[in-house]
Protein backbone atom coordinates (compact mmCIF):
# COMPACT_ATOMS: atom_id res chain seq x y z
CA UNK A 1 99.69 141.74 137.71
CA UNK A 2 102.69 139.76 139.05
CA UNK A 3 106.08 140.82 137.47
CA UNK A 4 109.45 138.29 138.31
CA UNK A 5 111.66 140.37 139.88
CA UNK A 6 114.66 137.80 139.07
CA UNK A 7 115.62 135.64 136.16
CA UNK A 8 115.07 132.63 138.36
CA UNK A 9 111.60 133.81 139.25
CA UNK A 10 110.82 134.00 135.97
CA UNK A 11 112.46 130.53 134.73
CA UNK A 12 110.85 129.31 138.24
CA UNK A 13 107.45 130.79 136.88
CA UNK A 14 107.48 129.31 133.26
CA UNK A 15 108.60 125.94 134.32
CA UNK A 16 105.30 125.86 136.85
CA UNK A 17 103.08 127.26 134.07
CA UNK A 18 104.48 124.74 131.57
CA UNK A 19 103.91 122.07 134.13
CA UNK A 20 100.43 122.94 134.44
CA UNK A 21 99.78 123.22 130.90
CA UNK A 22 100.73 120.05 130.14
CA UNK A 23 98.76 118.37 132.70
CA UNK A 24 95.61 120.38 131.83
CA UNK A 25 96.75 119.08 128.33
CA UNK A 26 96.52 115.37 129.46
CA UNK A 27 93.35 115.89 131.22
CA UNK A 28 91.73 117.50 127.97
CA UNK A 29 92.70 114.87 126.05
CA UNK A 30 91.34 112.12 128.47
CA UNK A 31 88.29 114.10 128.58
CA UNK A 32 87.80 113.58 124.94
CA UNK A 33 89.10 109.99 124.96
CA UNK A 34 86.12 109.55 127.57
CA UNK A 35 83.59 111.44 125.55
CA UNK A 36 84.45 109.10 122.22
CA UNK A 37 84.11 105.55 123.91
CA UNK A 38 83.62 104.26 120.27
CA UNK A 39 87.16 105.07 118.81
CA UNK A 40 89.84 102.99 119.78
CA UNK A 41 92.71 105.57 119.13
CA UNK A 42 95.52 103.27 119.63
CA UNK A 43 94.29 100.79 117.51
CA UNK A 44 92.87 103.08 114.83
CA UNK A 45 96.77 104.47 114.79
CA UNK A 46 98.92 101.57 115.35
CA UNK A 47 97.15 98.72 113.31
CA UNK A 48 94.88 101.01 110.72
CA UNK A 49 97.25 103.85 109.80
CA UNK A 50 93.88 105.92 109.91
CA UNK A 51 94.88 109.39 108.71
CA UNK A 52 91.49 110.88 109.62
CA UNK A 53 92.09 109.81 113.48
CA UNK A 54 95.43 111.46 113.33
CA UNK A 55 93.71 114.70 111.84
CA UNK A 56 90.89 114.72 114.19
CA UNK A 57 93.43 114.05 117.33
CA UNK A 58 95.59 117.06 116.19
CA UNK A 59 92.83 119.18 115.94
CA UNK A 60 91.63 118.47 119.19
CA UNK A 61 95.12 119.07 120.85
CA UNK A 62 95.47 122.21 118.84
CA UNK A 63 91.61 123.17 120.25
CA UNK A 64 92.83 122.31 123.79
CA UNK A 65 95.94 123.91 123.54
CA UNK A 66 94.73 127.75 122.17
CA UNK A 67 91.90 127.46 125.14
CA UNK A 68 94.50 126.87 127.63
CA UNK A 69 96.71 129.53 126.14
CA UNK A 70 93.89 131.94 126.73
CA UNK A 71 93.12 130.43 130.54
CA UNK A 72 96.62 130.58 131.47
CA UNK A 73 97.45 134.11 129.84
CA UNK A 74 94.75 135.97 131.69
């Protein structure tokens, strides 16, 4: 297992994993958006203030983040 030798290496590794994690989160959310074409998320949230859609989106983001944690931490 890789261990950073200096504080700078640790910061660089944290930044790299952060960027990879954010990219994969966006990719996962986009996949959810493609899978559910009948739900216009922007319209439901901005115009209709649909709380159910916001709860589903929050659950999707949390689920993706849990999966990414398991993948990136391994």
